[in-house]
N, C-alpha and C. Protein backbone atom coordinates (compact mmCIF):
# COMPACT_ATOMS: atom_id res chain seq x y z
N UNK A 1 99.94 136.61 137.28
CA UNK A 1 100.50 136.40 138.30
C UNK A 1 101.89 136.74 137.93
N UNK A 2 102.58 135.96 137.00
CA UNK A 2 103.75 135.90 136.61
C UNK A 2 103.83 137.51 136.04
N UNK A 3 102.71 138.18 135.47
CA UNK A 3 103.16 139.70 135.08
C UNK A 3 103.28 140.90 136.41
N UNK A 4 102.83 140.45 137.07
CA UNK A 4 103.31 141.18 138.64
C UNK A 4 104.74 140.84 138.90
N UNK A 5 105.18 139.38 138.68
CA UNK A 5 105.96 139.09 139.40
C UNK A 5 107.01 139.75 138.67
N UNK A 6 107.35 139.57 138.03
CA UNK A 6 108.38 140.26 136.86
C UNK A 6 108.43 142.03 136.87
N UNK A 7 107.12 142.32 136.69
CA UNK A 7 107.56 144.04 136.43
C UNK A 7 107.57 144.96 137.98
N UNK A 8 106.91 143.37 139.16
CA UNK A 8 107.83 144.63 140.05
C UNK A 8 109.37 144.36 140.52
N UNK A 9 109.72 143.02 140.33
CA UNK A 9 110.91 143.20 140.44
C UNK A 9 111.61 143.58 139.21
N UNK A 10 111.07 143.96 138.46
CA UNK A 10 111.64 145.13 137.21
C UNK A 10 113.19 144.17 136.18
N UNK A 11 112.44 142.97 136.15
CA UNK A 11 113.16 142.29 135.41
C UNK A 11 112.31 141.62 133.83
N UNK A 12 111.65 142.54 133.86
CA UNK A 12 111.11 142.89 132.23
C UNK A 12 112.65 142.51 130.97
N UNK A 13 113.70 143.49 131.31
CA UNK A 13 114.79 143.40 130.13
C UNK A 13 115.51 142.10 130.73
N UNK A 14 115.09 141.26 131.69
CA UNK A 14 116.52 140.47 132.22
C UNK A 14 116.10 138.85 131.12
N UNK A 15 116.77 138.02 131.25
CA UNK A 15 116.96 136.92 130.57
C UNK A 15 116.18 135.88 132.06
N UNK A 16 115.25 135.89 132.73
CA UNK A 16 114.76 135.39 133.61
C UNK A 16 114.30 133.96 133.31
N UNK A 17 114.37 132.83 134.16
CA UNK A 17 113.25 131.94 133.74
C UNK A 17 112.19 131.72 134.71
N UNK A 18 111.17 131.45 133.89
CA UNK A 18 109.57 131.32 134.29
C UNK A 18 109.27 129.56 134.81
N UNK A 19 109.04 129.44 135.55
CA UNK A 19 108.70 127.89 135.99
C UNK A 19 107.08 127.49 136.11
N UNK A 20 106.91 127.35 135.71
CA UNK A 20 105.57 126.50 135.62
C UNK A 20 105.06 125.56 136.35
N UNK A 21 104.05 125.09 136.91
CA UNK A 21 103.86 123.79 137.70
C UNK A 21 102.37 123.51 137.82
N UNK A 22 102.15 122.78 138.49
CA UNK A 22 100.74 122.15 139.07
C UNK A 22 100.81 120.63 137.57
N UNK A 23 99.46 120.59 138.29
CA UNK A 23 99.26 119.48 137.68
C UNK A 23 98.39 119.93 135.99
N UNK A 24 98.01 121.07 135.62
CA UNK A 24 97.41 121.72 134.25
C UNK A 24 98.27 121.84 133.66
N UNK A 25 99.51 122.20 133.94
CA UNK A 25 100.91 122.65 133.16
C UNK A 25 101.70 120.88 132.91
N UNK A 26 101.28 119.91 134.31
CA UNK A 26 102.18 118.54 133.65
C UNK A 26 101.66 117.73 132.47
N UNK A 27 100.09 118.58 132.17
CA UNK A 27 99.82 117.84 131.28
C UNK A 27 100.30 117.77 129.62
N UNK A 28 101.26 119.00 129.64
CA UNK A 28 101.70 119.68 128.65
C UNK A 28 101.39 119.71 127.72
N UNK A 29 100.23 120.32 127.09
CA UNK A 29 99.20 120.89 126.60
C UNK A 29 99.86 121.77 125.36
N UNK A 30 100.07 121.65 124.55
CA UNK A 30 100.91 122.66 124.02
C UNK A 30 100.54 124.10 123.03
N UNK A 31 98.89 124.10 123.56
CA UNK A 31 98.19 125.27 123.44
C UNK A 31 98.43 125.40 124.33
N UNK A 32 98.27 125.46 125.86
CA UNK A 32 98.03 126.42 126.54
C UNK A 32 99.59 126.59 127.26
N UNK A 33 100.52 125.53 126.93
CA UNK A 33 101.69 126.28 127.29
C UNK A 33 102.43 127.50 126.63
N UNK A 34 101.81 127.22 124.94
CA UNK A 34 102.42 128.53 124.28
C UNK A 34 101.68 129.37 124.09
N UNK A 35 100.65 129.28 124.80
CA UNK A 35 99.97 131.14 124.91
C UNK A 35 100.73 131.31 126.09
N UNK A 36 100.66 130.97 127.37
CA UNK A 36 101.52 131.11 128.38
C UNK A 36 102.98 131.94 128.27
N UNK A 37 103.85 131.53 127.24
CA UNK A 37 105.20 131.36 126.91
C UNK A 37 104.81 133.06 126.20
N UNK A 38 103.58 133.19 124.95
CA UNK A 38 103.36 134.31 124.48
C UNK A 38 103.54 135.29 125.07
N UNK A 39 102.24 135.15 126.08
CA UNK A 39 102.33 136.42 127.23
C UNK A 39 103.43 136.48 128.14
N UNK A 40 103.96 135.32 128.21
CA UNK A 40 105.49 135.82 129.09
C UNK A 40 106.47 137.03 128.30
N UNK A 41 106.61 136.27 126.91
CA UNK A 41 107.34 136.61 125.99
C UNK A 41 107.00 138.20 125.73
N UNK A 42 106.00 139.03 125.73
CA UNK A 42 105.11 139.84 125.81
C UNK A 42 105.81 141.04 127.01
N UNK A 43 106.27 140.75 127.84
CA UNK A 43 106.29 141.40 129.28
C UNK A 43 107.83 141.02 129.54
N UNK A 44 108.65 139.68 128.85
CA UNK A 44 110.03 139.92 129.03
C UNK A 44 110.40 138.71 127.98
N UNK A 45 111.04 139.83 126.66
CA UNK A 45 111.58 138.76 125.62
C UNK A 45 112.63 137.88 126.07
N UNK A 46 113.52 138.27 126.76
CA UNK A 46 114.69 137.53 127.00
C UNK A 46 114.25 136.13 128.27
N UNK A 47 112.98 135.97 128.61
CA UNK A 47 112.64 134.74 129.17
C UNK A 47 112.80 134.04 128.64
N UNK A 48 112.86 132.73 129.83
CA UNK A 48 112.44 131.53 129.19
C UNK A 48 111.73 130.31 130.16
N UNK A 49 110.55 129.84 129.95
CA UNK A 49 109.21 128.94 130.31
C UNK A 49 109.99 127.60 130.20
N UNK A 50 109.74 127.07 131.41
CA UNK A 50 110.14 125.77 131.81
C UNK A 50 108.67 125.28 132.58
N UNK A 51 108.93 124.05 132.22
CA UNK A 51 107.59 123.23 132.85
C UNK A 51 108.12 121.96 134.18
N UNK A 52 107.91 122.52 135.33
CA UNK A 52 108.47 121.44 135.99
C UNK A 52 107.48 119.97 136.28
N UNK A 53 108.57 118.92 136.66
CA UNK A 53 107.78 117.98 137.68
C UNK A 53 107.55 117.78 138.59
N UNK A 54 108.58 118.40 139.91
CA UNK A 54 108.41 118.92 140.86
C UNK A 54 107.28 119.28 141.90
N UNK A 55 106.89 118.36 142.42
CA UNK A 55 105.68 118.52 143.11
C UNK A 55 106.35 120.51 144.35
N UNK A 56 105.01 120.97 144.58
CA UNK A 56 105.52 122.50 145.41
C UNK A 56 106.51 122.03 146.33
N UNK A 57 106.72 121.20 147.24
CA UNK A 57 107.75 120.62 148.21
C UNK A 57 108.59 121.39 147.94
N UNK A 58 109.36 120.65 146.70
CA UNK A 58 111.34 120.67 146.42
C UNK A 58 110.75 122.45 146.13
N UNK A 59 110.04 123.51 145.79
CA UNK A 59 110.49 124.85 145.91
C UNK A 59 110.12 125.50 146.95
N UNK A 60 109.58 124.81 147.96
CA UNK A 60 109.32 125.69 149.02
C UNK A 60 110.97 125.37 149.79
N UNK A 61 110.87 123.97 149.50
CA UNK A 61 112.74 123.38 150.50
C UNK A 61 113.68 124.23 149.70
N UNK A 62 113.52 124.55 148.21
CA UNK A 62 114.74 125.17 147.96
C UNK A 62 114.57 126.36 148.60
N UNK A 63 113.54 127.21 148.46
CA UNK A 63 113.26 128.46 149.09
C UNK A 63 113.90 128.77 150.49
N UNK A 64 113.65 127.45 151.46
CA UNK A 64 114.06 127.61 152.88
C UNK A 64 116.05 127.84 152.53
N UNK A 65 116.41 126.86 151.75
CA UNK A 65 118.02 126.45 151.83
C UNK A 65 118.17 128.19 151.31
N UNK A 66 117.59 128.31 150.60
CA UNK A 66 117.81 130.15 149.92
C UNK A 66 118.09 130.79 151.30
N UNK A 67 117.33 130.94 152.08
CA UNK A 67 117.39 131.31 153.38
C UNK A 67 118.37 131.46 154.12
N UNK A 68 118.90 129.84 154.06
CA UNK A 68 119.91 130.07 154.83
C UNK A 68 121.43 130.41 154.09
N UNK A 69 121.14 130.44 153.36
CA UNK A 69 122.14 130.81 152.11
C UNK A 69 123.10 129.22 152.06
N UNK A 70 122.66 128.38 151.67
CA UNK A 70 123.18 127.10 151.42
C UNK A 70 123.58 126.93 150.02
N UNK A 71 124.73 126.13 149.86
CA UNK A 71 124.91 126.47 148.41
C UNK A 71 124.63 125.39 147.32
N UNK A 72 125.09 125.49 146.58
CA UNK A 72 124.72 124.20 145.38
C UNK A 72 124.50 122.72 145.99
N UNK A 73 125.61 122.47 146.40
CA UNK A 73 125.59 121.15 147.42
C UNK A 73 124.41 121.04 147.68
N UNK A 74 123.61 121.39 148.97
CA UNK A 74 122.80 121.14 149.78
C UNK A 74 121.94 121.20 148.69
N UNK A 75 121.38 121.89 147.59
CA UNK A 75 120.39 121.49 146.81
C UNK A 75 120.34 120.70 145.90
N UNK A 76 121.31 120.01 145.60
CA UNK A 76 121.54 118.43 145.22
C UNK A 76 120.95 117.75 145.90
N UNK A 77 121.56 117.78 147.11
CA UNK A 77 121.01 116.78 148.31
C UNK A 77 119.90 116.57 148.39
N UNK A 78 119.10 117.99 148.35
CA UNK A 78 117.32 117.83 149.09
C UNK A 78 117.18 117.12 148.00
N UNK A 79 117.14 117.66 146.52
CA UNK A 79 116.47 117.14 145.44
C UNK A 79 116.65 115.44 144.95
N UNK A 80 117.23 114.84 145.47
CA UNK A 80 118.37 113.83 145.79
C UNK A 80 117.61 112.55 146.84
N UNK A 81 117.48 113.50 147.98
CA UNK A 81 117.03 112.96 149.18
C UNK A 81 115.32 112.69 148.83
N UNK A 82 114.35 113.92 148.48
CA UNK A 82 113.39 114.32 147.82
C UNK A 82 112.79 112.99 147.12
N UNK A 83 113.74 112.89 145.64
CA UNK A 83 113.29 111.95 144.64
C UNK A 83 113.31 110.40 145.22
N UNK A 84 114.31 109.98 146.42
CA UNK A 84 114.25 108.57 147.00
C UNK A 84 113.15 108.84 147.95
N UNK A 85 112.18 109.78 148.19
CA UNK A 85 111.05 109.78 149.57
C UNK A 85 109.92 110.09 148.59
N UNK A 86 109.84 110.30 147.77
CA UNK A 86 108.73 110.83 146.71
C UNK A 86 108.89 110.66 145.24
N UNK A 87 108.76 108.93 145.06
CA UNK A 87 109.02 109.15 143.27
C UNK A 87 108.19 109.78 142.73
N UNK A 88 109.12 110.38 141.23
CA UNK A 88 108.33 111.44 140.50
C UNK A 88 108.76 112.22 140.79
N UNK A 89 109.53 112.87 141.31
CA UNK A 89 109.90 114.12 141.81
C UNK A 89 111.53 113.70 141.15
N UNK A 90 111.85 114.76 140.44
CA UNK A 90 113.21 115.13 139.69
C UNK A 90 114.46 114.91 140.11
N UNK A 91 115.42 114.05 140.13
CA UNK A 91 116.18 114.17 140.44
C UNK A 91 117.88 115.68 139.83
N UNK A 92 118.27 115.81 140.71
CA UNK A 92 119.53 117.16 140.64
C UNK A 92 119.43 117.20 138.89
N UNK A 93 119.98 115.47 138.26
CA UNK A 93 120.36 116.00 136.83
C UNK A 93 119.09 115.87 135.58
N UNK A 94 117.80 115.65 136.12
CA UNK A 94 116.98 115.43 135.42
C UNK A 94 115.50 116.53 135.56
N UNK A 95 114.39 116.36 134.73
CA UNK A 95 113.17 117.12 134.90
C UNK A 95 113.76 117.68 133.67
N UNK A 96 113.69 119.26 133.56
CA UNK A 96 114.29 119.52 132.07
C UNK A 96 115.92 119.23 131.46
N UNK A 97 116.60 118.74 132.00
CA UNK A 97 117.51 118.11 131.42
C UNK A 97 119.03 118.88 132.48
N UNK A 98 118.74 119.69 132.51
CA UNK A 98 119.30 120.80 133.25
C UNK A 98 119.70 120.55 134.70
N UNK A 99 121.18 120.67 135.09
CA UNK A 99 121.60 121.19 136.50
C UNK A 99 121.27 122.08 136.64
N UNK A 100 120.54 122.49 138.22
CA UNK A 100 120.53 123.48 138.60
C UNK A 100 121.73 124.12 139.81
N UNK A 101 122.21 123.99 139.72
CA UNK A 101 123.37 124.94 140.57
C UNK A 101 123.00 126.01 141.10
N UNK A 102 123.78 126.77 142.37
CA UNK A 102 123.53 128.14 142.76
C UNK A 102 122.14 127.90 143.54
N UNK A 103 122.03 129.15 143.70
CA UNK A 103 120.74 129.92 144.26
C UNK A 103 119.16 129.72 143.30
N UNK A 104 118.42 129.10 143.63
CA UNK A 104 117.07 128.60 142.61
C UNK A 104 116.52 130.17 142.47
N UNK A 105 116.15 131.39 143.40
CA UNK A 105 115.52 132.54 142.96
C UNK A 105 116.63 133.07 142.14
N UNK A 106 117.09 132.59 141.45
CA UNK A 106 117.83 134.05 140.90
C UNK A 106 118.46 133.46 139.35
């Protein structure tokens, strides 16, 4: 799926972020994640691979905010409120330690 997405969007030469989610990824298996990262680097050498701790609802909600052209403040508010509603959801400055300003799909 990653290969098809990167190729169709013509992002092979771009420094894209690839986010892996789901229970299997969250297990943190270094062999599995390393193999995926190696495969990603074959098709997009400048790509960065991250494993998210957020449930799929966060990504869906962020995509909705993108469609509404909401700014980074709205994304931070969404993450904050989801963290309060669903324990274990990363807050705007946790997860991989990076704050995510701007549009989530770019």
